[in-house]
Amino acid sequence: MSKQKQFKILNETTPYQGFFNLKKFELQHTLYKGGWSQPITRELFHRGNCVAVLLYDPRRDEVVIIEQFRIGAIQFPDQAWLLEIVAGAIEPGETAEEVAYRESLEEAGCKIEELVKINDFFTSPGGTSELLSLFYGQVDTTDIGGLHGLEDEDEDISVTTMKFDDVYQLLLEGKILSAIPIIAIQWLYINRDALRP
C-alpha cells in the first residue's frame, strides 16, 4: 500500500456528447504487486458534480421527501417514481452551497435556515465521474408540500413532509431505493438527537 500509485492515459475520446457526456479512455495503472497493468479500456459517464440536501425540521421532527420519475429505474416500471431528497447539478460558476439553496427552493419550496455539510462522495465511481456534496438543511416544514419543479427542465416533483420515524420505516422496508437519500437518512438517524431542541 505504500508504493506510489500512478496511472497514465494513453488515449481519450468522447463518443457521445449531449445532456451527459460519455468519454472513452485507454489507460494503464500501477499494480500493487509492482509494475504496470496491461492497457485497459473504460467508458466514463460524465455529468458534472452534484449536490443533495436533506431538508429536516428538528422542531417538528419532519423530513422533506420528494418523489419524481427517474429513467434509471424503468427496469422496475411500477417503481420508476423514486422517493428522494432535493438534489441538482452544479452549474458553471456556482458553489455547492449556492446549489443547495437554489434547488431547495426550486424542487421543494423550502427556504433553508441553516446549512451544514455532511460529506462528499462518489456516487458510482466504477463508471461515472459524479462527485456528490451532501448537506443537511434545517427548514420549517409548516407549509411545505405540493407540486414543484421547473417546467423548462421538465420537472414534475411531488413534495411531502413525513415524520422521521415514518421515513426511517420506509428505508427499513426497502421502499427508498436511491442511494443518496438512504445515506442521508442514515446520517440523520445517527445525528437526530443532537439536532433536536
N, C-alpha and C. Protein backbone atom coordinates (compact mmCIF):
# COMPACT_ATOMS: atom_id res chain seq x y z
N MET A 1 0.82 -1.20 0.00
CA MET A 1 0.00 0.00 0.00
C MET A 1 0.86 1.26 0.00
N SER A 2 2.12 1.13 0.39
CA SER A 2 2.97 2.32 0.49
C SER A 2 3.60 2.70 -0.84
N LYS A 3 3.54 1.79 -1.83
CA LYS A 3 4.11 2.13 -3.14
C LYS A 3 3.34 3.28 -3.77
N GLN A 4 4.06 4.07 -4.57
CA GLN A 4 3.41 5.19 -5.24
C GLN A 4 2.43 4.68 -6.28
N LYS A 5 1.19 5.14 -6.20
CA LYS A 5 0.15 4.74 -7.14
C LYS A 5 0.10 5.76 -8.27
N GLN A 6 0.12 5.28 -9.50
CA GLN A 6 0.10 6.16 -10.66
C GLN A 6 -0.79 5.57 -11.74
N PHE A 7 -1.27 6.43 -12.62
CA PHE A 7 -1.94 5.96 -13.83
C PHE A 7 -1.53 6.86 -14.97
N LYS A 8 -1.61 6.35 -16.19
CA LYS A 8 -1.34 7.17 -17.37
C LYS A 8 -2.40 6.90 -18.42
N ILE A 9 -2.91 8.00 -19.00
CA ILE A 9 -3.93 7.92 -20.03
C ILE A 9 -3.23 7.81 -21.38
N LEU A 10 -3.51 6.73 -22.10
CA LEU A 10 -2.90 6.50 -23.40
C LEU A 10 -3.72 7.14 -24.53
N ASN A 11 -5.05 7.16 -24.34
CA ASN A 11 -5.93 7.74 -25.35
C ASN A 11 -7.25 8.11 -24.69
N GLU A 12 -7.83 9.24 -25.13
CA GLU A 12 -9.13 9.68 -24.60
C GLU A 12 -9.97 10.22 -25.75
N THR A 13 -11.21 9.73 -25.86
CA THR A 13 -12.14 10.22 -26.87
C THR A 13 -13.49 10.49 -26.21
N THR A 14 -14.37 11.21 -26.91
CA THR A 14 -15.73 11.48 -26.42
C THR A 14 -16.71 10.96 -27.46
N PRO A 15 -17.11 9.67 -27.35
CA PRO A 15 -18.01 9.09 -28.35
C PRO A 15 -19.41 9.71 -28.35
N TYR A 16 -19.82 10.27 -27.20
CA TYR A 16 -21.15 10.89 -27.15
C TYR A 16 -21.10 12.16 -26.31
N GLN A 17 -21.73 13.22 -26.83
CA GLN A 17 -21.80 14.47 -26.10
C GLN A 17 -23.21 15.01 -26.22
N GLY A 18 -23.87 15.17 -25.08
CA GLY A 18 -25.24 15.69 -25.05
C GLY A 18 -25.51 16.25 -23.68
N PHE A 19 -26.73 15.98 -23.14
CA PHE A 19 -27.04 16.41 -21.78
C PHE A 19 -26.01 15.83 -20.82
N PHE A 20 -25.60 14.59 -21.08
CA PHE A 20 -24.48 13.95 -20.41
C PHE A 20 -23.42 13.66 -21.46
N ASN A 21 -22.19 13.40 -21.03
CA ASN A 21 -21.12 13.02 -21.95
C ASN A 21 -20.67 11.60 -21.63
N LEU A 22 -20.23 10.91 -22.67
CA LEU A 22 -19.61 9.60 -22.48
C LEU A 22 -18.19 9.70 -23.01
N LYS A 23 -17.23 9.48 -22.13
CA LYS A 23 -15.83 9.50 -22.52
C LYS A 23 -15.30 8.08 -22.55
N LYS A 24 -14.32 7.85 -23.41
CA LYS A 24 -13.71 6.52 -23.51
C LYS A 24 -12.22 6.69 -23.30
N PHE A 25 -11.68 5.94 -22.36
CA PHE A 25 -10.26 6.03 -22.01
C PHE A 25 -9.56 4.71 -22.29
N GLU A 26 -8.33 4.81 -22.80
CA GLU A 26 -7.40 3.68 -22.77
C GLU A 26 -6.30 4.12 -21.81
N LEU A 27 -6.06 3.30 -20.78
CA LEU A 27 -5.12 3.72 -19.75
C LEU A 27 -4.40 2.53 -19.14
N GLN A 28 -3.38 2.86 -18.37
CA GLN A 28 -2.67 1.87 -17.56
C GLN A 28 -2.51 2.44 -16.16
N HIS A 29 -2.43 1.55 -15.16
CA HIS A 29 -2.18 1.99 -13.79
C HIS A 29 -1.19 1.03 -13.13
N THR A 30 -0.52 1.52 -12.10
CA THR A 30 0.43 0.67 -11.38
C THR A 30 -0.33 -0.43 -10.64
N LEU A 31 0.36 -1.55 -10.42
CA LEU A 31 -0.22 -2.70 -9.72
C LEU A 31 0.36 -2.80 -8.32
N TYR A 32 -0.40 -3.33 -7.38
CA TYR A 32 0.07 -3.50 -6.01
C TYR A 32 1.30 -4.40 -5.96
N LYS A 33 1.35 -5.39 -6.86
CA LYS A 33 2.49 -6.32 -6.85
C LYS A 33 3.71 -5.75 -7.57
N GLY A 34 3.56 -4.53 -8.10
CA GLY A 34 4.65 -3.90 -8.84
C GLY A 34 4.40 -3.90 -10.33
N GLY A 35 5.02 -2.98 -11.05
CA GLY A 35 4.85 -2.88 -12.50
C GLY A 35 3.55 -2.19 -12.87
N TRP A 36 3.19 -2.35 -14.15
CA TRP A 36 2.02 -1.68 -14.71
C TRP A 36 1.01 -2.69 -15.22
N SER A 37 -0.27 -2.29 -15.20
CA SER A 37 -1.33 -3.11 -15.78
C SER A 37 -1.16 -3.14 -17.30
N GLN A 38 -1.84 -4.09 -17.94
CA GLN A 38 -1.97 -4.06 -19.38
C GLN A 38 -2.82 -2.83 -19.73
N PRO A 39 -2.74 -2.32 -20.96
CA PRO A 39 -3.66 -1.24 -21.34
C PRO A 39 -5.11 -1.72 -21.18
N ILE A 40 -5.92 -0.92 -20.49
CA ILE A 40 -7.32 -1.27 -20.31
C ILE A 40 -8.19 -0.16 -20.87
N THR A 41 -9.39 -0.53 -21.31
CA THR A 41 -10.34 0.43 -21.87
C THR A 41 -11.51 0.57 -20.91
N ARG A 42 -11.88 1.80 -20.61
CA ARG A 42 -13.01 2.08 -19.73
C ARG A 42 -13.84 3.22 -20.30
N GLU A 43 -15.17 3.07 -20.23
CA GLU A 43 -16.08 4.15 -20.57
C GLU A 43 -16.42 4.89 -19.27
N LEU A 44 -16.51 6.21 -19.36
CA LEU A 44 -16.81 7.03 -18.19
C LEU A 44 -17.99 7.93 -18.50
N PHE A 45 -19.06 7.76 -17.73
CA PHE A 45 -20.25 8.60 -17.83
C PHE A 45 -19.95 9.89 -17.08
N HIS A 46 -20.03 11.03 -17.80
CA HIS A 46 -19.66 12.31 -17.20
C HIS A 46 -20.86 13.24 -17.19
N ARG A 47 -21.27 13.65 -15.97
CA ARG A 47 -22.41 14.55 -15.86
C ARG A 47 -22.09 15.78 -15.03
N GLY A 48 -20.88 15.93 -14.58
CA GLY A 48 -20.55 17.03 -13.68
C GLY A 48 -20.85 16.65 -12.25
N ASN A 49 -20.52 17.53 -11.31
CA ASN A 49 -20.72 17.24 -9.90
C ASN A 49 -22.07 17.76 -9.44
N CYS A 50 -22.59 17.15 -8.38
CA CYS A 50 -23.95 17.45 -7.93
C CYS A 50 -24.00 17.70 -6.43
N VAL A 51 -25.17 18.15 -6.01
CA VAL A 51 -25.43 18.49 -4.61
C VAL A 51 -26.75 17.83 -4.22
N ALA A 52 -26.83 17.33 -3.00
CA ALA A 52 -28.10 16.86 -2.44
C ALA A 52 -28.26 17.48 -1.07
N VAL A 53 -29.52 17.72 -0.70
CA VAL A 53 -29.81 18.36 0.59
C VAL A 53 -30.89 17.58 1.33
N LEU A 54 -30.56 17.14 2.51
CA LEU A 54 -31.54 16.53 3.41
C LEU A 54 -32.22 17.67 4.16
N LEU A 55 -33.48 17.94 3.80
CA LEU A 55 -34.24 19.02 4.42
C LEU A 55 -35.01 18.45 5.61
N TYR A 56 -34.73 18.99 6.80
CA TYR A 56 -35.28 18.43 8.04
C TYR A 56 -35.67 19.56 8.98
N ASP A 57 -36.83 19.41 9.59
CA ASP A 57 -37.30 20.34 10.61
C ASP A 57 -37.14 19.67 11.97
N PRO A 58 -36.13 20.06 12.75
CA PRO A 58 -35.88 19.39 14.03
C PRO A 58 -36.96 19.68 15.07
N ARG A 59 -37.69 20.78 14.92
CA ARG A 59 -38.75 21.12 15.88
C ARG A 59 -39.96 20.21 15.69
N ARG A 60 -40.30 19.95 14.43
CA ARG A 60 -41.45 19.10 14.11
C ARG A 60 -41.05 17.65 13.85
N ASP A 61 -39.74 17.39 13.82
CA ASP A 61 -39.20 16.05 13.53
C ASP A 61 -39.72 15.52 12.19
N GLU A 62 -39.66 16.40 11.18
CA GLU A 62 -40.17 16.05 9.86
C GLU A 62 -39.09 16.18 8.79
N VAL A 63 -39.12 15.26 7.85
CA VAL A 63 -38.20 15.23 6.71
C VAL A 63 -38.98 15.60 5.45
N VAL A 64 -38.37 16.39 4.59
CA VAL A 64 -38.98 16.72 3.29
C VAL A 64 -38.57 15.64 2.30
N ILE A 65 -39.56 14.94 1.77
CA ILE A 65 -39.33 13.87 0.80
C ILE A 65 -39.94 14.29 -0.54
N ILE A 66 -39.18 14.11 -1.60
CA ILE A 66 -39.71 14.39 -2.93
C ILE A 66 -39.86 13.07 -3.69
N GLU A 67 -40.76 13.07 -4.63
CA GLU A 67 -40.97 11.89 -5.48
C GLU A 67 -41.01 12.37 -6.93
N GLN A 68 -40.26 11.67 -7.78
CA GLN A 68 -40.26 12.03 -9.20
C GLN A 68 -39.88 10.83 -10.05
N PHE A 69 -40.25 10.92 -11.34
CA PHE A 69 -39.92 9.86 -12.29
C PHE A 69 -38.42 9.86 -12.56
N ARG A 70 -37.83 8.64 -12.61
CA ARG A 70 -36.40 8.51 -12.86
C ARG A 70 -36.15 7.46 -13.94
N ILE A 71 -35.50 7.89 -15.04
CA ILE A 71 -35.24 6.99 -16.17
C ILE A 71 -34.40 5.79 -15.75
N GLY A 72 -33.50 5.98 -14.80
CA GLY A 72 -32.64 4.88 -14.37
C GLY A 72 -33.37 3.76 -13.67
N ALA A 73 -34.62 3.99 -13.28
CA ALA A 73 -35.38 2.98 -12.53
C ALA A 73 -36.45 2.28 -13.37
N ILE A 74 -36.45 2.50 -14.69
CA ILE A 74 -37.54 1.93 -15.50
C ILE A 74 -37.46 0.41 -15.66
N GLN A 75 -36.36 -0.19 -15.20
CA GLN A 75 -36.32 -1.66 -15.22
C GLN A 75 -37.36 -2.25 -14.25
N PHE A 76 -37.85 -1.43 -13.31
CA PHE A 76 -38.95 -1.79 -12.42
C PHE A 76 -40.07 -0.79 -12.67
N PRO A 77 -40.91 -1.02 -13.71
CA PRO A 77 -41.88 0.00 -14.14
C PRO A 77 -42.76 0.54 -13.03
N ASP A 78 -43.17 -0.31 -12.08
CA ASP A 78 -44.05 0.17 -11.01
C ASP A 78 -43.29 0.94 -9.94
N GLN A 79 -41.96 0.99 -10.05
CA GLN A 79 -41.15 1.73 -9.07
C GLN A 79 -40.32 2.83 -9.73
N ALA A 80 -40.71 3.27 -10.92
CA ALA A 80 -39.92 4.26 -11.65
C ALA A 80 -40.04 5.66 -11.04
N TRP A 81 -40.99 5.85 -10.13
CA TRP A 81 -41.09 7.10 -9.38
C TRP A 81 -40.43 6.85 -8.02
N LEU A 82 -39.30 7.53 -7.79
CA LEU A 82 -38.49 7.26 -6.61
C LEU A 82 -38.69 8.30 -5.52
N LEU A 83 -38.63 7.83 -4.27
CA LEU A 83 -38.62 8.71 -3.11
C LEU A 83 -37.19 9.17 -2.90
N GLU A 84 -37.00 10.49 -2.88
CA GLU A 84 -35.65 11.05 -2.84
C GLU A 84 -35.60 12.28 -1.95
N ILE A 85 -34.43 12.92 -1.93
CA ILE A 85 -34.27 14.22 -1.31
C ILE A 85 -33.89 15.20 -2.42
N VAL A 86 -33.96 16.47 -2.12
CA VAL A 86 -33.64 17.52 -3.09
C VAL A 86 -32.20 17.35 -3.60
N ALA A 87 -32.01 17.50 -4.90
CA ALA A 87 -30.66 17.39 -5.49
C ALA A 87 -30.62 18.11 -6.82
N GLY A 88 -29.40 18.47 -7.23
CA GLY A 88 -29.23 19.14 -8.52
C GLY A 88 -27.78 19.28 -8.89
N ALA A 89 -27.56 19.62 -10.14
CA ALA A 89 -26.21 19.73 -10.69
C ALA A 89 -25.61 21.10 -10.39
N ILE A 90 -24.30 21.11 -10.20
CA ILE A 90 -23.56 22.36 -10.02
C ILE A 90 -23.31 22.95 -11.41
N GLU A 91 -23.86 24.13 -11.64
CA GLU A 91 -23.66 24.81 -12.93
C GLU A 91 -22.36 25.60 -12.87
N PRO A 92 -21.78 25.93 -14.05
CA PRO A 92 -20.52 26.70 -14.05
C PRO A 92 -20.66 28.00 -13.25
N GLY A 93 -19.69 28.26 -12.39
CA GLY A 93 -19.69 29.48 -11.58
C GLY A 93 -20.43 29.37 -10.26
N GLU A 94 -21.10 28.25 -10.01
CA GLU A 94 -21.83 28.06 -8.77
C GLU A 94 -21.01 27.30 -7.74
N THR A 95 -21.25 27.59 -6.47
CA THR A 95 -20.68 26.78 -5.40
C THR A 95 -21.70 25.70 -5.03
N ALA A 96 -21.24 24.67 -4.34
CA ALA A 96 -22.14 23.62 -3.88
C ALA A 96 -23.20 24.19 -2.95
N GLU A 97 -22.80 25.13 -2.09
CA GLU A 97 -23.75 25.75 -1.17
C GLU A 97 -24.84 26.52 -1.90
N GLU A 98 -24.45 27.25 -2.95
CA GLU A 98 -25.44 28.00 -3.73
C GLU A 98 -26.45 27.06 -4.38
N VAL A 99 -25.99 25.91 -4.85
CA VAL A 99 -26.88 24.92 -5.46
C VAL A 99 -27.85 24.38 -4.41
N ALA A 100 -27.35 24.14 -3.21
CA ALA A 100 -28.21 23.63 -2.13
C ALA A 100 -29.38 24.58 -1.87
N TYR A 101 -29.09 25.87 -1.76
CA TYR A 101 -30.15 26.86 -1.53
C TYR A 101 -31.10 26.94 -2.72
N ARG A 102 -30.53 26.98 -3.94
CA ARG A 102 -31.35 27.12 -5.16
C ARG A 102 -32.28 25.92 -5.35
N GLU A 103 -31.71 24.72 -5.27
CA GLU A 103 -32.50 23.51 -5.53
C GLU A 103 -33.57 23.30 -4.46
N SER A 104 -33.29 23.70 -3.23
CA SER A 104 -34.28 23.54 -2.16
C SER A 104 -35.52 24.39 -2.44
N LEU A 105 -35.30 25.58 -2.99
CA LEU A 105 -36.43 26.43 -3.37
C LEU A 105 -37.15 25.89 -4.61
N GLU A 106 -36.37 25.53 -5.65
CA GLU A 106 -36.96 25.07 -6.92
C GLU A 106 -37.73 23.76 -6.76
N GLU A 107 -37.14 22.80 -6.08
CA GLU A 107 -37.72 21.46 -6.04
C GLU A 107 -38.69 21.23 -4.89
N ALA A 108 -38.57 22.02 -3.81
CA ALA A 108 -39.41 21.75 -2.65
C ALA A 108 -40.06 22.98 -2.04
N GLY A 109 -39.76 24.18 -2.56
CA GLY A 109 -40.33 25.39 -1.99
C GLY A 109 -39.83 25.68 -0.58
N CYS A 110 -38.63 25.18 -0.25
CA CYS A 110 -38.07 25.31 1.09
C CYS A 110 -36.98 26.37 1.15
N LYS A 111 -37.07 27.24 2.16
CA LYS A 111 -36.00 28.19 2.44
C LYS A 111 -35.17 27.63 3.58
N ILE A 112 -33.89 27.41 3.33
CA ILE A 112 -33.00 26.82 4.33
C ILE A 112 -32.64 27.85 5.39
N GLU A 113 -32.80 27.46 6.65
CA GLU A 113 -32.45 28.32 7.78
C GLU A 113 -30.98 28.15 8.16
N GLU A 114 -30.50 26.92 8.09
CA GLU A 114 -29.11 26.62 8.42
C GLU A 114 -28.65 25.48 7.52
N LEU A 115 -27.45 25.62 6.96
CA LEU A 115 -26.91 24.62 6.04
C LEU A 115 -25.61 24.05 6.62
N VAL A 116 -25.53 22.73 6.68
CA VAL A 116 -24.36 22.05 7.25
C VAL A 116 -23.89 20.98 6.27
N LYS A 117 -22.61 21.00 5.95
CA LYS A 117 -22.03 19.98 5.05
C LYS A 117 -21.95 18.64 5.79
N ILE A 118 -22.43 17.58 5.16
CA ILE A 118 -22.33 16.24 5.73
C ILE A 118 -21.08 15.55 5.19
N ASN A 119 -20.97 15.46 3.84
CA ASN A 119 -19.85 14.74 3.26
C ASN A 119 -19.85 14.92 1.75
N ASP A 120 -18.70 14.65 1.14
CA ASP A 120 -18.58 14.48 -0.32
C ASP A 120 -18.35 13.01 -0.59
N PHE A 121 -18.96 12.48 -1.65
CA PHE A 121 -18.69 11.09 -2.02
C PHE A 121 -18.99 10.87 -3.50
N PHE A 122 -18.30 9.88 -4.07
CA PHE A 122 -18.57 9.46 -5.44
C PHE A 122 -19.81 8.57 -5.42
N THR A 123 -20.74 8.81 -6.35
CA THR A 123 -21.98 8.04 -6.35
C THR A 123 -21.82 6.65 -6.95
N SER A 124 -20.99 6.51 -7.96
CA SER A 124 -20.77 5.20 -8.59
C SER A 124 -19.48 5.24 -9.39
N PRO A 125 -18.32 5.26 -8.68
CA PRO A 125 -17.04 5.54 -9.35
C PRO A 125 -16.54 4.46 -10.31
N GLY A 126 -17.24 3.33 -10.37
CA GLY A 126 -16.87 2.33 -11.37
C GLY A 126 -17.21 2.76 -12.78
N GLY A 127 -18.07 3.78 -12.93
CA GLY A 127 -18.47 4.16 -14.28
C GLY A 127 -18.87 5.61 -14.48
N THR A 128 -19.00 6.38 -13.38
CA THR A 128 -19.35 7.78 -13.54
C THR A 128 -18.43 8.66 -12.71
N SER A 129 -18.18 9.87 -13.20
CA SER A 129 -17.27 10.79 -12.53
C SER A 129 -17.97 11.63 -11.47
N GLU A 130 -19.27 11.48 -11.29
CA GLU A 130 -20.05 12.34 -10.41
C GLU A 130 -19.55 12.30 -8.96
N LEU A 131 -19.20 13.48 -8.45
CA LEU A 131 -18.89 13.66 -7.03
C LEU A 131 -20.05 14.43 -6.43
N LEU A 132 -20.65 13.87 -5.37
CA LEU A 132 -21.82 14.49 -4.77
C LEU A 132 -21.47 15.14 -3.44
N SER A 133 -21.92 16.37 -3.24
CA SER A 133 -21.79 17.06 -1.96
C SER A 133 -23.14 16.96 -1.26
N LEU A 134 -23.15 16.31 -0.09
CA LEU A 134 -24.38 16.11 0.67
C LEU A 134 -24.44 17.09 1.84
N PHE A 135 -25.58 17.76 1.97
CA PHE A 135 -25.80 18.75 3.03
C PHE A 135 -27.02 18.39 3.87
N TYR A 136 -27.02 18.91 5.09
CA TYR A 136 -28.23 18.95 5.92
C TYR A 136 -28.73 20.38 5.90
N GLY A 137 -29.99 20.57 5.57
CA GLY A 137 -30.60 21.89 5.59
C GLY A 137 -31.73 21.94 6.60
N GLN A 138 -31.58 22.79 7.60
CA GLN A 138 -32.66 22.96 8.58
C GLN A 138 -33.73 23.86 7.99
N VAL A 139 -34.98 23.40 8.05
CA VAL A 139 -36.09 24.15 7.48
C VAL A 139 -37.28 24.14 8.44
N ASP A 140 -38.26 24.98 8.13
CA ASP A 140 -39.55 24.96 8.80
C ASP A 140 -40.52 24.30 7.84
N THR A 141 -41.06 23.14 8.22
CA THR A 141 -41.92 22.37 7.30
C THR A 141 -43.40 22.71 7.44
N THR A 142 -43.73 23.75 8.20
CA THR A 142 -45.13 24.07 8.50
C THR A 142 -46.00 24.13 7.24
N ASP A 143 -45.56 24.81 6.20
CA ASP A 143 -46.38 24.99 5.00
C ASP A 143 -45.76 24.34 3.76
N ILE A 144 -44.98 23.28 3.98
CA ILE A 144 -44.26 22.65 2.86
C ILE A 144 -45.07 21.48 2.29
N GLY A 145 -45.11 21.40 0.97
CA GLY A 145 -45.81 20.31 0.29
C GLY A 145 -46.31 20.78 -1.07
N GLY A 146 -46.89 19.85 -1.83
CA GLY A 146 -47.45 20.20 -3.13
C GLY A 146 -46.59 19.79 -4.29
N LEU A 147 -46.81 20.44 -5.43
CA LEU A 147 -46.09 20.12 -6.66
C LEU A 147 -45.08 21.21 -6.96
N HIS A 148 -43.87 20.80 -7.29
CA HIS A 148 -42.79 21.76 -7.53
C HIS A 148 -41.95 21.32 -8.73
N GLY A 149 -40.91 22.11 -9.02
CA GLY A 149 -40.01 21.83 -10.13
C GLY A 149 -40.15 22.89 -11.22
N LEU A 150 -39.12 22.93 -12.07
CA LEU A 150 -39.10 23.91 -13.15
C LEU A 150 -39.67 23.30 -14.43
N GLU A 151 -40.64 23.99 -15.02
CA GLU A 151 -41.24 23.48 -16.25
C GLU A 151 -40.22 23.39 -17.38
N ASP A 152 -39.31 24.38 -17.47
CA ASP A 152 -38.35 24.36 -18.58
C ASP A 152 -37.31 23.25 -18.42
N GLU A 153 -37.30 22.59 -17.26
CA GLU A 153 -36.44 21.41 -17.07
C GLU A 153 -37.27 20.14 -17.02
N ASP A 154 -38.55 20.25 -17.38
CA ASP A 154 -39.48 19.11 -17.37
C ASP A 154 -39.53 18.41 -16.02
N GLU A 155 -39.44 19.19 -14.95
CA GLU A 155 -39.51 18.61 -13.61
C GLU A 155 -40.96 18.51 -13.16
N ASP A 156 -41.33 17.38 -12.63
CA ASP A 156 -42.67 17.12 -12.11
C ASP A 156 -42.47 16.44 -10.76
N ILE A 157 -42.43 17.25 -9.70
CA ILE A 157 -41.98 16.77 -8.40
C ILE A 157 -43.08 16.90 -7.36
N SER A 158 -43.41 15.80 -6.73
CA SER A 158 -44.36 15.80 -5.63
C SER A 158 -43.59 15.92 -4.31
N VAL A 159 -43.97 16.89 -3.49
CA VAL A 159 -43.27 17.17 -2.24
C VAL A 159 -44.18 16.88 -1.06
N THR A 160 -43.68 16.09 -0.11
CA THR A 160 -44.41 15.82 1.12
C THR A 160 -43.46 15.94 2.30
N THR A 161 -44.05 16.12 3.48
CA THR A 161 -43.27 16.06 4.71
C THR A 161 -43.72 14.82 5.47
N MET A 162 -42.76 14.16 6.09
CA MET A 162 -43.06 12.95 6.83
C MET A 162 -42.31 12.96 8.15
N LYS A 163 -42.94 12.42 9.18
CA LYS A 163 -42.25 12.24 10.46
C LYS A 163 -41.03 11.35 10.23
N PHE A 164 -39.95 11.65 10.96
CA PHE A 164 -38.72 10.89 10.76
C PHE A 164 -38.96 9.39 10.92
N ASP A 165 -39.71 8.98 11.93
CA ASP A 165 -39.92 7.54 12.17
C ASP A 165 -40.57 6.87 10.96
N ASP A 166 -41.48 7.59 10.28
CA ASP A 166 -42.14 7.03 9.09
C ASP A 166 -41.17 6.91 7.93
N VAL A 167 -40.31 7.93 7.77
CA VAL A 167 -39.29 7.88 6.71
C VAL A 167 -38.33 6.72 6.97
N TYR A 168 -37.90 6.59 8.21
CA TYR A 168 -36.95 5.52 8.54
C TYR A 168 -37.58 4.14 8.33
N GLN A 169 -38.88 4.02 8.61
CA GLN A 169 -39.57 2.76 8.37
C GLN A 169 -39.60 2.43 6.88
N LEU A 170 -39.81 3.43 6.03
CA LEU A 170 -39.77 3.20 4.58
C LEU A 170 -38.40 2.69 4.15
N LEU A 171 -37.35 3.26 4.75
CA LEU A 171 -36.00 2.80 4.45
C LEU A 171 -35.83 1.33 4.84
N LEU A 172 -36.28 0.99 6.06
CA LEU A 172 -36.14 -0.39 6.56
C LEU A 172 -36.93 -1.38 5.70
N GLU A 173 -38.05 -0.92 5.14
CA GLU A 173 -38.90 -1.79 4.31
C GLU A 173 -38.41 -1.87 2.86
N GLY A 174 -37.31 -1.19 2.54
CA GLY A 174 -36.77 -1.23 1.18
C GLY A 174 -37.57 -0.42 0.19
N LYS A 175 -38.28 0.59 0.65
CA LYS A 175 -39.10 1.41 -0.25
C LYS A 175 -38.39 2.68 -0.71
N ILE A 176 -37.22 2.94 -0.16
CA ILE A 176 -36.38 4.03 -0.65
C ILE A 176 -35.21 3.36 -1.37
N LEU A 177 -35.18 3.49 -2.68
CA LEU A 177 -34.24 2.72 -3.50
C LEU A 177 -33.06 3.52 -4.02
N SER A 178 -33.08 4.82 -3.84
CA SER A 178 -32.00 5.67 -4.34
C SER A 178 -30.94 5.82 -3.24
N ALA A 179 -29.67 5.67 -3.61
CA ALA A 179 -28.59 5.62 -2.62
C ALA A 179 -28.43 6.92 -1.83
N ILE A 180 -28.60 8.05 -2.48
CA ILE A 180 -28.34 9.33 -1.81
C ILE A 180 -29.28 9.56 -0.62
N PRO A 181 -30.61 9.39 -0.78
CA PRO A 181 -31.46 9.54 0.40
C PRO A 181 -31.21 8.48 1.46
N ILE A 182 -30.82 7.27 1.05
CA ILE A 182 -30.51 6.24 2.05
C ILE A 182 -29.35 6.71 2.93
N ILE A 183 -28.29 7.22 2.31
CA ILE A 183 -27.14 7.72 3.07
C ILE A 183 -27.56 8.87 3.97
N ALA A 184 -28.37 9.79 3.43
CA ALA A 184 -28.79 10.96 4.20
C ALA A 184 -29.66 10.57 5.40
N ILE A 185 -30.58 9.66 5.19
CA ILE A 185 -31.48 9.24 6.28
C ILE A 185 -30.70 8.49 7.36
N GLN A 186 -29.72 7.68 6.95
CA GLN A 186 -28.87 7.01 7.94
C GLN A 186 -28.06 8.03 8.74
N TRP A 187 -27.58 9.09 8.08
CA TRP A 187 -26.86 10.16 8.79
C TRP A 187 -27.79 10.80 9.82
N LEU A 188 -29.04 11.06 9.40
CA LEU A 188 -29.99 11.69 10.31
C LEU A 188 -30.32 10.77 11.48
N TYR A 189 -30.41 9.48 11.23
CA TYR A 189 -30.66 8.51 12.31
C TYR A 189 -29.56 8.62 13.37
N ILE A 190 -28.33 8.79 12.95
CA ILE A 190 -27.20 8.88 13.87
C ILE A 190 -27.16 10.23 14.59
N ASN A 191 -27.51 11.31 13.89
CA ASN A 191 -27.31 12.67 14.41
C ASN A 191 -28.58 13.37 14.89
N ARG A 192 -29.73 12.72 14.76
CA ARG A 192 -31.01 13.37 15.02
C ARG A 192 -31.14 13.93 16.42
N ASP A 193 -30.73 13.18 17.43
CA ASP A 193 -30.87 13.66 18.81
C ASP A 193 -30.12 14.96 19.05
N ALA A 194 -28.96 15.08 18.43
CA ALA A 194 -28.15 16.30 18.61
C ALA A 194 -28.77 17.50 17.89
N LEU A 195 -29.57 17.26 16.87
CA LEU A 195 -30.18 18.35 16.10
C LEU A 195 -31.47 18.86 16.74
N ARG A 196 -32.13 17.99 17.50
CA ARG A 196 -33.46 18.35 18.02
C ARG A 196 -33.35 19.25 19.25
N PRO A 197 -34.28 20.22 19.40
CA PRO A 197 -34.22 21.13 20.55
C PRO A 197 -34.55 20.42 21.86
